[in-house]
Amino acid sequence: MDESLSKMTRKELNHYIQTKREAMRRAEMMGVENEYRVLERQVIIAECYLIDLSQIENGKIYKVISNEDHYFKVEYMKGIFVWGFFVNGDEKESAIPVSMLQLPKQVR
């Protein structure tokens, strides 16, 4: 799709994500690791645009999805990335996509 992810509707984003996930399955079946990882990152970035950014609070610690026992303390947000520090990490300030944070479930 030529359209920027930030301009897509929720329905278009879900379709884009579904298409990328199908391509991920094919790449995994064919054993093409690098293609799988690229598609995985595209999904993570697209999922950022489905998140209500008002749920994310500066100074709060969140579990990182898909990384067992990894937690991230959010210092601030810039666009679809949160900047901060991994709890018990040796790194300096890092940035991760907001879709990698485990956020509380919203009642709809």
PDB file of N, CA and C in Angstrom:
ATOM      1  N   MET A   1       0.840  -1.188   0.000  1.00  0.00           N
ATOM      2  CA  MET A   1       0.000   0.000   0.000  1.00  0.00           C
ATOM      3  C   MET A   1       0.878   1.242   0.000  1.00  0.00           C
ATOM      4  N   ASP A   2       0.521   2.182  -0.825  1.00  0.00           N
ATOM      5  CA  ASP A   2       1.296   3.404  -0.929  1.00  0.00           C
ATOM      6  C   ASP A   2       0.953   4.392   0.179  1.00  0.00           C
ATOM      7  N   GLU A   3      -0.254   4.274   0.717  1.00  0.00           N
ATOM      8  CA  GLU A   3      -0.715   5.225   1.716  1.00  0.00           C
ATOM      9  C   GLU A   3       0.062   5.061   3.021  1.00  0.00           C
ATOM     10  N   SER A   4       0.385   6.174   3.634  1.00  0.00           N
ATOM     11  CA  SER A   4       1.095   6.172   4.910  1.00  0.00           C
ATOM     12  C   SER A   4       0.243   5.494   5.985  1.00  0.00           C
ATOM     13  N   LEU A   5       0.897   4.728   6.837  1.00  0.00           N
ATOM     14  CA  LEU A   5       0.172   4.027   7.907  1.00  0.00           C
ATOM     15  C   LEU A   5      -0.602   4.994   8.789  1.00  0.00           C
ATOM     16  N   SER A   6      -0.053   6.154   9.035  1.00  0.00           N
ATOM     17  CA  SER A   6      -0.706   7.122   9.924  1.00  0.00           C
ATOM     18  C   SER A   6      -2.003   7.679   9.339  1.00  0.00           C
ATOM     19  N   LYS A   7      -2.185   7.529   8.033  1.00  0.00           N
ATOM     20  CA  LYS A   7      -3.392   8.058   7.392  1.00  0.00           C
ATOM     21  C   LYS A   7      -4.435   6.972   7.124  1.00  0.00           C
ATOM     22  N   MET A   8      -4.104   5.727   7.448  1.00  0.00           N
ATOM     23  CA  MET A   8      -5.034   4.622   7.205  1.00  0.00           C
ATOM     24  C   MET A   8      -6.137   4.587   8.257  1.00  0.00           C
ATOM     25  N   THR A   9      -7.289   4.084   7.835  1.00  0.00           N
ATOM     26  CA  THR A   9      -8.372   3.858   8.789  1.00  0.00           C
ATOM     27  C   THR A   9      -8.045   2.601   9.594  1.00  0.00           C
ATOM     28  N   ARG A  10      -8.785   2.397  10.661  1.00  0.00           N
ATOM     29  CA  ARG A  10      -8.599   1.204  11.494  1.00  0.00           C
ATOM     30  C   ARG A  10      -8.785  -0.067  10.663  1.00  0.00           C
ATOM     31  N   LYS A  11      -9.775  -0.061   9.790  1.00  0.00           N
ATOM     32  CA  LYS A  11     -10.052  -1.217   8.935  1.00  0.00           C
ATOM     33  C   LYS A  11      -8.883  -1.460   7.974  1.00  0.00           C
ATOM     34  N   GLU A  12      -8.357  -0.405   7.378  1.00  0.00           N
ATOM     35  CA  GLU A  12      -7.216  -0.544   6.470  1.00  0.00           C
ATOM     36  C   GLU A  12      -5.974  -1.057   7.198  1.00  0.00           C
ATOM     37  N   LEU A  13      -5.759  -0.553   8.422  1.00  0.00           N
ATOM     38  CA  LEU A  13      -4.622  -1.020   9.216  1.00  0.00           C
ATOM     39  C   LEU A  13      -4.747  -2.504   9.541  1.00  0.00           C
ATOM     40  N   ASN A  14      -5.939  -2.923   9.938  1.00  0.00           N
ATOM     41  CA  ASN A  14      -6.149  -4.344  10.254  1.00  0.00           C
ATOM     42  C   ASN A  14      -5.917  -5.222   9.027  1.00  0.00           C
ATOM     43  N   HIS A  15      -6.340  -4.768   7.862  1.00  0.00           N
ATOM     44  CA  HIS A  15      -6.119  -5.515   6.620  1.00  0.00           C
ATOM     45  C   HIS A  15      -4.626  -5.582   6.306  1.00  0.00           C
ATOM     46  N   TYR A  16      -3.937  -4.466   6.443  1.00  0.00           N
ATOM     47  CA  TYR A  16      -2.489  -4.399   6.205  1.00  0.00           C
ATOM     48  C   TYR A  16      -1.761  -5.382   7.129  1.00  0.00           C
ATOM     49  N   ILE A  17      -2.126  -5.375   8.407  1.00  0.00           N
ATOM     50  CA  ILE A  17      -1.498  -6.267   9.393  1.00  0.00           C
ATOM     51  C   ILE A  17      -1.775  -7.726   9.054  1.00  0.00           C
ATOM     52  N   GLN A  18      -3.013  -8.024   8.697  1.00  0.00           N
ATOM     53  CA  GLN A  18      -3.379  -9.399   8.334  1.00  0.00           C
ATOM     54  C   GLN A  18      -2.566  -9.868   7.120  1.00  0.00           C
ATOM     55  N   THR A  19      -2.425  -9.006   6.125  1.00  0.00           N
ATOM     56  CA  THR A  19      -1.652  -9.346   4.924  1.00  0.00           C
ATOM     57  C   THR A  19      -0.185  -9.612   5.268  1.00  0.00           C
ATOM     58  N   LYS A  20       0.392  -8.773   6.104  1.00  0.00           N
ATOM     59  CA  LYS A  20       1.790  -8.949   6.514  1.00  0.00           C
ATOM     60  C   LYS A  20       1.968 -10.226   7.330  1.00  0.00           C
ATOM     61  N   ARG A  21       1.010 -10.540   8.187  1.00  0.00           N
ATOM     62  CA  ARG A  21       1.101 -11.775   8.986  1.00  0.00           C
ATOM     63  C   ARG A  21       1.027 -13.018   8.106  1.00  0.00           C
ATOM     64  N   GLU A  22       0.202 -12.970   7.067  1.00  0.00           N
ATOM     65  CA  GLU A  22       0.141 -14.091   6.124  1.00  0.00           C
ATOM     66  C   GLU A  22       1.488 -14.254   5.415  1.00  0.00           C
ATOM     67  N   ALA A  23       2.091 -13.136   5.034  1.00  0.00           N
ATOM     68  CA  ALA A  23       3.410 -13.186   4.390  1.00  0.00           C
ATOM     69  C   ALA A  23       4.466 -13.700   5.376  1.00  0.00           C
ATOM     70  N   MET A  24       4.314 -13.365   6.651  1.00  0.00           N
ATOM     71  CA  MET A  24       5.234 -13.871   7.681  1.00  0.00           C
ATOM     72  C   MET A  24       5.152 -15.395   7.761  1.00  0.00           C
ATOM     73  N   ARG A  25       3.937 -15.927   7.725  1.00  0.00           N
ATOM     74  CA  ARG A  25       3.753 -17.389   7.784  1.00  0.00           C
ATOM     75  C   ARG A  25       4.428 -18.064   6.590  1.00  0.00           C
ATOM     76  N   ARG A  26       4.261 -17.468   5.407  1.00  0.00           N
ATOM     77  CA  ARG A  26       4.895 -18.039   4.210  1.00  0.00           C
ATOM     78  C   ARG A  26       6.425 -17.996   4.332  1.00  0.00           C
ATOM     79  N   ALA A  27       6.952 -16.877   4.792  1.00  0.00           N
ATOM     80  CA  ALA A  27       8.404 -16.737   4.944  1.00  0.00           C
ATOM     81  C   ALA A  27       8.934 -17.735   5.969  1.00  0.00           C
ATOM     82  N   GLU A  28       8.186 -17.939   7.031  1.00  0.00           N
ATOM     83  CA  GLU A  28       8.598 -18.902   8.062  1.00  0.00           C
ATOM     84  C   GLU A  28       8.603 -20.320   7.498  1.00  0.00           C
ATOM     85  N   MET A  29       7.560 -20.656   6.727  1.00  0.00           N
ATOM     86  CA  MET A  29       7.481 -21.994   6.134  1.00  0.00           C
ATOM     87  C   MET A  29       8.625 -22.237   5.148  1.00  0.00           C
ATOM     88  N   MET A  30       9.045 -21.186   4.450  1.00  0.00           N
ATOM     89  CA  MET A  30      10.130 -21.324   3.479  1.00  0.00           C
ATOM     90  C   MET A  30      11.501 -21.189   4.144  1.00  0.00           C
ATOM     91  N   GLY A  31      11.517 -20.834   5.422  1.00  0.00           N
ATOM     92  CA  GLY A  31      12.778 -20.700   6.145  1.00  0.00           C
ATOM     93  C   GLY A  31      13.560 -19.442   5.802  1.00  0.00           C
ATOM     94  N   VAL A  32      12.852 -18.392   5.378  1.00  0.00           N
ATOM     95  CA  VAL A  32      13.516 -17.135   5.014  1.00  0.00           C
ATOM     96  C   VAL A  32      13.436 -16.196   6.228  1.00  0.00           C
ATOM     97  N   GLU A  33      14.417 -16.336   7.099  1.00  0.00           N
ATOM     98  CA  GLU A  33      14.433 -15.622   8.386  1.00  0.00           C
ATOM     99  C   GLU A  33      14.463 -14.108   8.235  1.00  0.00           C
ATOM    100  N   ASN A  34      15.299 -13.598   7.333  1.00  0.00           N
ATOM    101  CA  ASN A  34      15.408 -12.145   7.191  1.00  0.00           C
ATOM    102  C   ASN A  34      14.101 -11.515   6.710  1.00  0.00           C
ATOM    103  N   GLU A  35      13.416 -12.165   5.774  1.00  0.00           N
ATOM    104  CA  GLU A  35      12.125 -11.649   5.297  1.00  0.00           C
ATOM    105  C   GLU A  35      11.095 -11.683   6.424  1.00  0.00           C
ATOM    106  N   TYR A  36      11.111 -12.755   7.197  1.00  0.00           N
ATOM    107  CA  TYR A  36      10.200 -12.893   8.335  1.00  0.00           C
ATOM    108  C   TYR A  36      10.396 -11.722   9.306  1.00  0.00           C
ATOM    109  N   ARG A  37      11.638 -11.409   9.640  1.00  0.00           N
ATOM    110  CA  ARG A  37      11.941 -10.333  10.606  1.00  0.00           C
ATOM    111  C   ARG A  37      11.518  -8.959  10.079  1.00  0.00           C
ATOM    112  N   VAL A  38      11.711  -8.712   8.786  1.00  0.00           N
ATOM    113  CA  VAL A  38      11.287  -7.442   8.199  1.00  0.00           C
ATOM    114  C   VAL A  38       9.767  -7.301   8.291  1.00  0.00           C
ATOM    115  N   LEU A  39       9.054  -8.354   7.927  1.00  0.00           N
ATOM    116  CA  LEU A  39       7.588  -8.331   7.990  1.00  0.00           C
ATOM    117  C   LEU A  39       7.108  -8.177   9.426  1.00  0.00           C
ATOM    118  N   GLU A  40       7.787  -8.831  10.353  1.00  0.00           N
ATOM    119  CA  GLU A  40       7.431  -8.735  11.775  1.00  0.00           C
ATOM    120  C   GLU A  40       7.541  -7.280  12.249  1.00  0.00           C
ATOM    121  N   ARG A  41       8.594  -6.600  11.850  1.00  0.00           N
ATOM    122  CA  ARG A  41       8.771  -5.182  12.227  1.00  0.00           C
ATOM    123  C   ARG A  41       7.695  -4.310  11.589  1.00  0.00           C
ATOM    124  N   GLN A  42       7.309  -4.619  10.360  1.00  0.00           N
ATOM    125  CA  GLN A  42       6.243  -3.855   9.710  1.00  0.00           C
ATOM    126  C   GLN A  42       4.928  -4.001  10.471  1.00  0.00           C
ATOM    127  N   VAL A  43       4.658  -5.194  10.968  1.00  0.00           N
ATOM    128  CA  VAL A  43       3.439  -5.434  11.758  1.00  0.00           C
ATOM    129  C   VAL A  43       3.503  -4.648  13.064  1.00  0.00           C
ATOM    130  N   ILE A  44       4.645  -4.692  13.737  1.00  0.00           N
ATOM    131  CA  ILE A  44       4.796  -3.977  15.017  1.00  0.00           C
ATOM    132  C   ILE A  44       4.550  -2.486  14.831  1.00  0.00           C
ATOM    133  N   ILE A  45       5.105  -1.917  13.773  1.00  0.00           N
ATOM    134  CA  ILE A  45       4.918  -0.482  13.514  1.00  0.00           C
ATOM    135  C   ILE A  45       3.455  -0.184  13.175  1.00  0.00           C
ATOM    136  N   ALA A  46       2.837  -1.000  12.346  1.00  0.00           N
ATOM    137  CA  ALA A  46       1.427  -0.779  11.985  1.00  0.00           C
ATOM    138  C   ALA A  46       0.521  -0.874  13.218  1.00  0.00           C
ATOM    139  N   GLU A  47       0.814  -1.808  14.114  1.00  0.00           N
ATOM    140  CA  GLU A  47       0.001  -1.962  15.330  1.00  0.00           C
ATOM    141  C   GLU A  47       0.052  -0.725  16.221  1.00  0.00           C
ATOM    142  N   CYS A  48       1.119   0.052  16.120  1.00  0.00           N
ATOM    143  CA  CYS A  48       1.232   1.283  16.911  1.00  0.00           C
ATOM    144  C   CYS A  48       0.074   2.242  16.627  1.00  0.00           C
ATOM    145  N   TYR A  49      -0.380   2.244  15.390  1.00  0.00           N
ATOM    146  CA  TYR A  49      -1.432   3.177  14.992  1.00  0.00           C
ATOM    147  C   TYR A  49      -2.827   2.728  15.428  1.00  0.00           C
ATOM    148  N   LEU A  50      -2.920   1.555  16.033  1.00  0.00           N
ATOM    149  CA  LEU A  50      -4.195   1.068  16.564  1.00  0.00           C
ATOM    150  C   LEU A  50      -4.310   1.323  18.068  1.00  0.00           C
ATOM    151  N   ILE A  51      -3.275   1.867  18.666  1.00  0.00           N
ATOM    152  CA  ILE A  51      -3.217   2.041  20.120  1.00  0.00           C
ATOM    153  C   ILE A  51      -3.645   3.450  20.508  1.00  0.00           C
ATOM    154  N   ASP A  52      -4.430   3.519  21.582  1.00  0.00           N
ATOM    155  CA  ASP A  52      -4.816   4.800  22.167  1.00  0.00           C
ATOM    156  C   ASP A  52      -3.620   5.281  22.994  1.00  0.00           C
ATOM    157  N   LEU A  53      -2.887   6.236  22.480  1.00  0.00           N
ATOM    158  CA  LEU A  53      -1.657   6.696  23.117  1.00  0.00           C
ATOM    159  C   LEU A  53      -1.894   7.347  24.475  1.00  0.00           C
ATOM    160  N   SER A  54      -3.138   7.734  24.757  1.00  0.00           N
ATOM    161  CA  SER A  54      -3.433   8.346  26.056  1.00  0.00           C
ATOM    162  C   SER A  54      -3.335   7.323  27.201  1.00  0.00           C
ATOM    163  N   GLN A  55      -3.283   6.028  26.871  1.00  0.00           N
ATOM    164  CA  GLN A  55      -3.128   4.983  27.887  1.00  0.00           C
ATOM    165  C   GLN A  55      -1.716   4.933  28.464  1.00  0.00           C
ATOM    166  N   ILE A  56      -0.762   5.517  27.770  1.00  0.00           N
ATOM    167  CA  ILE A  56       0.636   5.410  28.159  1.00  0.00           C
ATOM    168  C   ILE A  56       1.013   6.598  29.035  1.00  0.00           C
ATOM    169  N   GLU A  57       1.560   6.282  30.209  1.00  0.00           N
ATOM    170  CA  GLU A  57       1.913   7.320  31.173  1.00  0.00           C
ATOM    171  C   GLU A  57       3.422   7.405  31.349  1.00  0.00           C
ATOM    172  N   ASN A  58       3.928   8.632  31.347  1.00  0.00           N
ATOM    173  CA  ASN A  58       5.345   8.845  31.616  1.00  0.00           C
ATOM    174  C   ASN A  58       5.650   8.427  33.050  1.00  0.00           C
ATOM    175  N   GLY A  59       6.801   7.809  33.253  1.00  0.00           N
ATOM    176  CA  GLY A  59       7.219   7.380  34.582  1.00  0.00           C
ATOM    177  C   GLY A  59       6.704   6.016  34.993  1.00  0.00           C
ATOM    178  N   LYS A  60       5.832   5.434  34.187  1.00  0.00           N
ATOM    179  CA  LYS A  60       5.255   4.128  34.513  1.00  0.00           C
ATOM    180  C   LYS A  60       6.088   3.004  33.886  1.00  0.00           C
ATOM    181  N   ILE A  61       6.069   1.838  34.536  1.00  0.00           N
ATOM    182  CA  ILE A  61       6.793   0.679  34.041  1.00  0.00           C
ATOM    183  C   ILE A  61       5.791  -0.285  33.403  1.00  0.00           C
ATOM    184  N   TYR A  62       6.115  -0.748  32.194  1.00  0.00           N
ATOM    185  CA  TYR A  62       5.257  -1.661  31.442  1.00  0.00           C
ATOM    186  C   TYR A  62       6.030  -2.924  31.096  1.00  0.00           C
ATOM    187  N   LYS A  63       5.320  -4.044  31.059  1.00  0.00           N
ATOM    188  CA  LYS A  63       5.913  -5.299  30.589  1.00  0.00           C
ATOM    189  C   LYS A  63       6.063  -5.183  29.073  1.00  0.00           C
ATOM    190  N   VAL A  64       7.161  -5.724  28.561  1.00  0.00           N
ATOM    191  CA  VAL A  64       7.401  -5.721  27.116  1.00  0.00           C
ATOM    192  C   VAL A  64       6.823  -7.010  26.544  1.00  0.00           C
ATOM    193  N   ILE A  65       5.951  -6.877  25.555  1.00  0.00           N
ATOM    194  CA  ILE A  65       5.312  -8.029  24.924  1.00  0.00           C
ATOM    195  C   ILE A  65       6.366  -8.846  24.186  1.00  0.00           C
ATOM    196  N   SER A  66       6.245 -10.129  24.278  1.00  0.00           N
ATOM    197  CA  SER A  66       7.091 -11.127  23.608  1.00  0.00           C
ATOM    198  C   SER A  66       8.506 -11.222  24.173  1.00  0.00           C
ATOM    199  N   ASN A  67       8.807 -10.490  25.209  1.00  0.00           N
ATOM    200  CA  ASN A  67      10.097 -10.623  25.888  1.00  0.00           C
ATOM    201  C   ASN A  67       9.815 -10.973  27.341  1.00  0.00           C
ATOM    202  N   GLU A  68       9.916 -12.246  27.663  1.00  0.00           N
ATOM    203  CA  GLU A  68       9.605 -12.706  29.002  1.00  0.00           C
ATOM    204  C   GLU A  68      10.477 -11.998  30.033  1.00  0.00           C
ATOM    205  N   ASP A  69       9.859 -11.507  31.069  1.00  0.00           N
ATOM    206  CA  ASP A  69      10.551 -10.845  32.181  1.00  0.00           C
ATOM    207  C   ASP A  69      11.315  -9.583  31.785  1.00  0.00           C
ATOM    208  N   HIS A  70      10.888  -8.910  30.736  1.00  0.00           N
ATOM    209  CA  HIS A  70      11.485  -7.631  30.372  1.00  0.00           C
ATOM    210  C   HIS A  70      10.463  -6.528  30.651  1.00  0.00           C
ATOM    211  N   TYR A  71      10.926  -5.488  31.300  1.00  0.00           N
ATOM    212  CA  TYR A  71      10.069  -4.358  31.640  1.00  0.00           C
ATOM    213  C   TYR A  71      10.738  -3.077  31.161  1.00  0.00           C
ATOM    214  N   PHE A  72       9.904  -2.091  30.803  1.00  0.00           N
ATOM    215  CA  PHE A  72      10.407  -0.841  30.248  1.00  0.00           C
ATOM    216  C   PHE A  72       9.782   0.319  31.003  1.00  0.00           C
ATOM    217  N   LYS A  73      10.617   1.228  31.495  1.00  0.00           N
ATOM    218  CA  LYS A  73      10.122   2.434  32.172  1.00  0.00           C
ATOM    219  C   LYS A  73      10.066   3.565  31.157  1.00  0.00           C
ATOM    220  N   VAL A  74       8.869   4.083  30.941  1.00  0.00           N
ATOM    221  CA  VAL A  74       8.645   5.143  29.958  1.00  0.00           C
ATOM    222  C   VAL A  74       9.004   6.491  30.564  1.00  0.00           C
ATOM    223  N   GLU A  75       9.899   7.189  29.897  1.00  0.00           N
ATOM    224  CA  GLU A  75      10.254   8.549  30.308  1.00  0.00           C
ATOM    225  C   GLU A  75       9.423   9.565  29.526  1.00  0.00           C
ATOM    226  N   TYR A  76       9.293   9.344  28.208  1.00  0.00           N
ATOM    227  CA  TYR A  76       8.475  10.230  27.385  1.00  0.00           C
ATOM    228  C   TYR A  76       8.136   9.528  26.075  1.00  0.00           C
ATOM    229  N   MET A  77       7.197  10.118  25.359  1.00  0.00           N
ATOM    230  CA  MET A  77       6.748   9.551  24.091  1.00  0.00           C
ATOM    231  C   MET A  77       7.010  10.576  22.986  1.00  0.00           C
ATOM    232  N   LYS A  78       7.434  10.050  21.849  1.00  0.00           N
ATOM    233  CA  LYS A  78       7.641  10.906  20.672  1.00  0.00           C
ATOM    234  C   LYS A  78       7.092  10.141  19.480  1.00  0.00           C
ATOM    235  N   GLY A  79       5.972  10.600  18.954  1.00  0.00           N
ATOM    236  CA  GLY A  79       5.314   9.889  17.857  1.00  0.00           C
ATOM    237  C   GLY A  79       4.795   8.552  18.350  1.00  0.00           C
ATOM    238  N   ILE A  80       5.180   7.479  17.651  1.00  0.00           N
ATOM    239  CA  ILE A  80       4.709   6.139  18.029  1.00  0.00           C
ATOM    240  C   ILE A  80       5.769   5.376  18.824  1.00  0.00           C
ATOM    241  N   PHE A  81       6.788   6.084  19.293  1.00  0.00           N
ATOM    242  CA  PHE A  81       7.839   5.459  20.081  1.00  0.00           C
ATOM    243  C   PHE A  81       7.837   6.005  21.495  1.00  0.00           C
ATOM    244  N   VAL A  82       8.119   5.113  22.451  1.00  0.00           N
ATOM    245  CA  VAL A  82       8.336   5.544  23.823  1.00  0.00           C
ATOM    246  C   VAL A  82       9.831   5.481  24.085  1.00  0.00           C
ATOM    247  N   TRP A  83      10.307   6.450  24.811  1.00  0.00           N
ATOM    248  CA  TRP A  83      11.721   6.531  25.166  1.00  0.00           C
ATOM    249  C   TRP A  83      11.843   6.301  26.663  1.00  0.00           C
ATOM    250  N   GLY A  84      12.860   5.560  27.040  1.00  0.00           N
ATOM    251  CA  GLY A  84      13.060   5.289  28.450  1.00  0.00           C
ATOM    252  C   GLY A  84      14.144   4.253  28.636  1.00  0.00           C
ATOM    253  N   PHE A  85      13.949   3.415  29.655  1.00  0.00           N
ATOM    254  CA  PHE A  85      14.988   2.464  30.043  1.00  0.00           C
ATOM    255  C   PHE A  85      14.395   1.098  30.335  1.00  0.00           C
ATOM    256  N   PHE A  86      15.124   0.051  29.965  1.00  0.00           N
ATOM    257  CA  PHE A  86      14.739  -1.300  30.356  1.00  0.00           C
ATOM    258  C   PHE A  86      15.100  -1.470  31.823  1.00  0.00           C
ATOM    259  N   VAL A  87      14.162  -1.970  32.614  1.00  0.00           N
ATOM    260  CA  VAL A  87      14.411  -2.196  34.028  1.00  0.00           C
ATOM    261  C   VAL A  87      15.499  -3.259  34.160  1.00  0.00           C
ATOM    262  N   ASN A  88      16.488  -2.995  34.977  1.00  0.00           N
ATOM    263  CA  ASN A  88      17.654  -3.865  35.176  1.00  0.00           C
ATOM    264  C   ASN A  88      18.480  -4.029  33.907  1.00  0.00           C
ATOM    265  N   GLY A  89      18.361  -3.084  32.992  1.00  0.00           N
ATOM    266  CA  GLY A  89      19.146  -3.147  31.761  1.00  0.00           C
ATOM    267  C   GLY A  89      20.428  -2.351  31.890  1.00  0.00           C
ATOM    268  N   ASP A  90      21.377  -2.674  31.067  1.00  0.00           N
ATOM    269  CA  ASP A  90      22.676  -1.993  31.092  1.00  0.00           C
ATOM    270  C   ASP A  90      22.740  -0.855  30.074  1.00  0.00           C
ATOM    271  N   GLU A  91      21.694  -0.717  29.275  1.00  0.00           N
ATOM    272  CA  GLU A  91      21.715   0.251  28.183  1.00  0.00           C
ATOM    273  C   GLU A  91      21.401   1.654  28.661  1.00  0.00           C
ATOM    274  N   LYS A  92      21.817   2.587  27.851  1.00  0.00           N
ATOM    275  CA  LYS A  92      21.415   3.976  28.042  1.00  0.00           C
ATOM    276  C   LYS A  92      19.965   4.074  27.567  1.00  0.00           C
ATOM    277  N   GLU A  93      19.477   5.287  27.475  1.00  0.00           N
ATOM    278  CA  GLU A  93      18.103   5.502  27.035  1.00  0.00           C
ATOM    279  C   GLU A  93      17.848   4.805  25.700  1.00  0.00           C
ATOM    280  N   SER A  94      16.681   4.153  25.592  1.00  0.00           N
ATOM    281  CA  SER A  94      16.295   3.415  24.389  1.00  0.00           C
ATOM    282  C   SER A  94      14.914   3.865  23.942  1.00  0.00           C
ATOM    283  N   ALA A  95      14.586   3.528  22.711  1.00  0.00           N
ATOM    284  CA  ALA A  95      13.244   3.787  22.178  1.00  0.00           C
ATOM    285  C   ALA A  95      12.685   2.483  21.644  1.00  0.00           C
ATOM    286  N   ILE A  96      11.405   2.248  21.927  1.00  0.00           N
ATOM    287  CA  ILE A  96      10.716   1.078  21.377  1.00  0.00           C
ATOM    288  C   ILE A  96       9.340   1.518  20.888  1.00  0.00           C
ATOM    289  N   PRO A  97       8.776   0.808  19.903  1.00  0.00           N
ATOM    290  CA  PRO A  97       7.425   1.136  19.430  1.00  0.00           C
ATOM    291  C   PRO A  97       6.397   0.905  20.547  1.00  0.00           C
ATOM    292  N   VAL A  98       5.386   1.757  20.597  1.00  0.00           N
ATOM    293  CA  VAL A  98       4.370   1.649  21.656  1.00  0.00           C
ATOM    294  C   VAL A  98       3.642   0.307  21.627  1.00  0.00           C
ATOM    295  N   SER A  99       3.577  -0.336  20.477  1.00  0.00           N
ATOM    296  CA  SER A  99       2.871  -1.618  20.378  1.00  0.00           C
ATOM    297  C   SER A  99       3.611  -2.743  21.105  1.00  0.00           C
ATOM    298  N   MET A 100       4.839  -2.496  21.534  1.00  0.00           N
ATOM    299  CA  MET A 100       5.589  -3.512  22.260  1.00  0.00           C
ATOM    300  C   MET A 100       5.307  -3.457  23.767  1.00  0.00           C
ATOM    301  N   LEU A 101       4.531  -2.471  24.212  1.00  0.00           N
ATOM    302  CA  LEU A 101       4.183  -2.360  25.622  1.00  0.00           C
ATOM    303  C   LEU A 101       2.882  -3.106  25.899  1.00  0.00           C
ATOM    304  N   GLN A 102       2.865  -3.852  26.986  1.00  0.00           N
ATOM    305  CA  GLN A 102       1.625  -4.513  27.395  1.00  0.00           C
ATOM    306  C   GLN A 102       0.797  -3.494  28.154  1.00  0.00           C
ATOM    307  N   LEU A 103      -0.274  -3.040  27.530  1.00  0.00           N
ATOM    308  CA  LEU A 103      -1.136  -2.014  28.108  1.00  0.00           C
ATOM    309  C   LEU A 103      -2.368  -2.669  28.731  1.00  0.00           C
ATOM    310  N   PRO A 104      -2.992  -1.994  29.703  1.00  0.00           N
ATOM    311  CA  PRO A 104      -4.203  -2.542  30.301  1.00  0.00           C
ATOM    312  C   PRO A 104      -5.313  -2.671  29.267  1.00  0.00           C
ATOM    313  N   LYS A 105      -6.094  -3.723  29.388  1.00  0.00           N
ATOM    314  CA  LYS A 105      -7.226  -3.934  28.470  1.00  0.00           C
ATOM    315  C   LYS A 105      -8.268  -2.863  28.696  1.00  0.00           C
ATOM    316  N   GLN A 106      -8.845  -2.379  27.603  1.00  0.00           N
ATOM    317  CA  GLN A 106      -9.905  -1.386  27.700  1.00  0.00           C
ATOM    318  C   GLN A 106     -11.263  -2.068  27.561  1.00  0.00           C
ATOM    319  N   VAL A 107     -12.202  -1.604  28.363  1.00  0.00           N
ATOM    320  CA  VAL A 107     -13.571  -2.097  28.253  1.00  0.00           C
ATOM    321  C   VAL A 107     -14.251  -1.332  27.137  1.00  0.00           C
ATOM    322  N   ARG A 108     -14.863  -2.070  26.218  1.00  0.00           N
ATOM    323  CA  ARG A 108     -15.517  -1.416  25.067  1.00  0.00           C
ATOM    324  C   ARG A 108     -17.000  -1.443  25.215  1.00  0.00           C
TER     325      ARG A 108
END
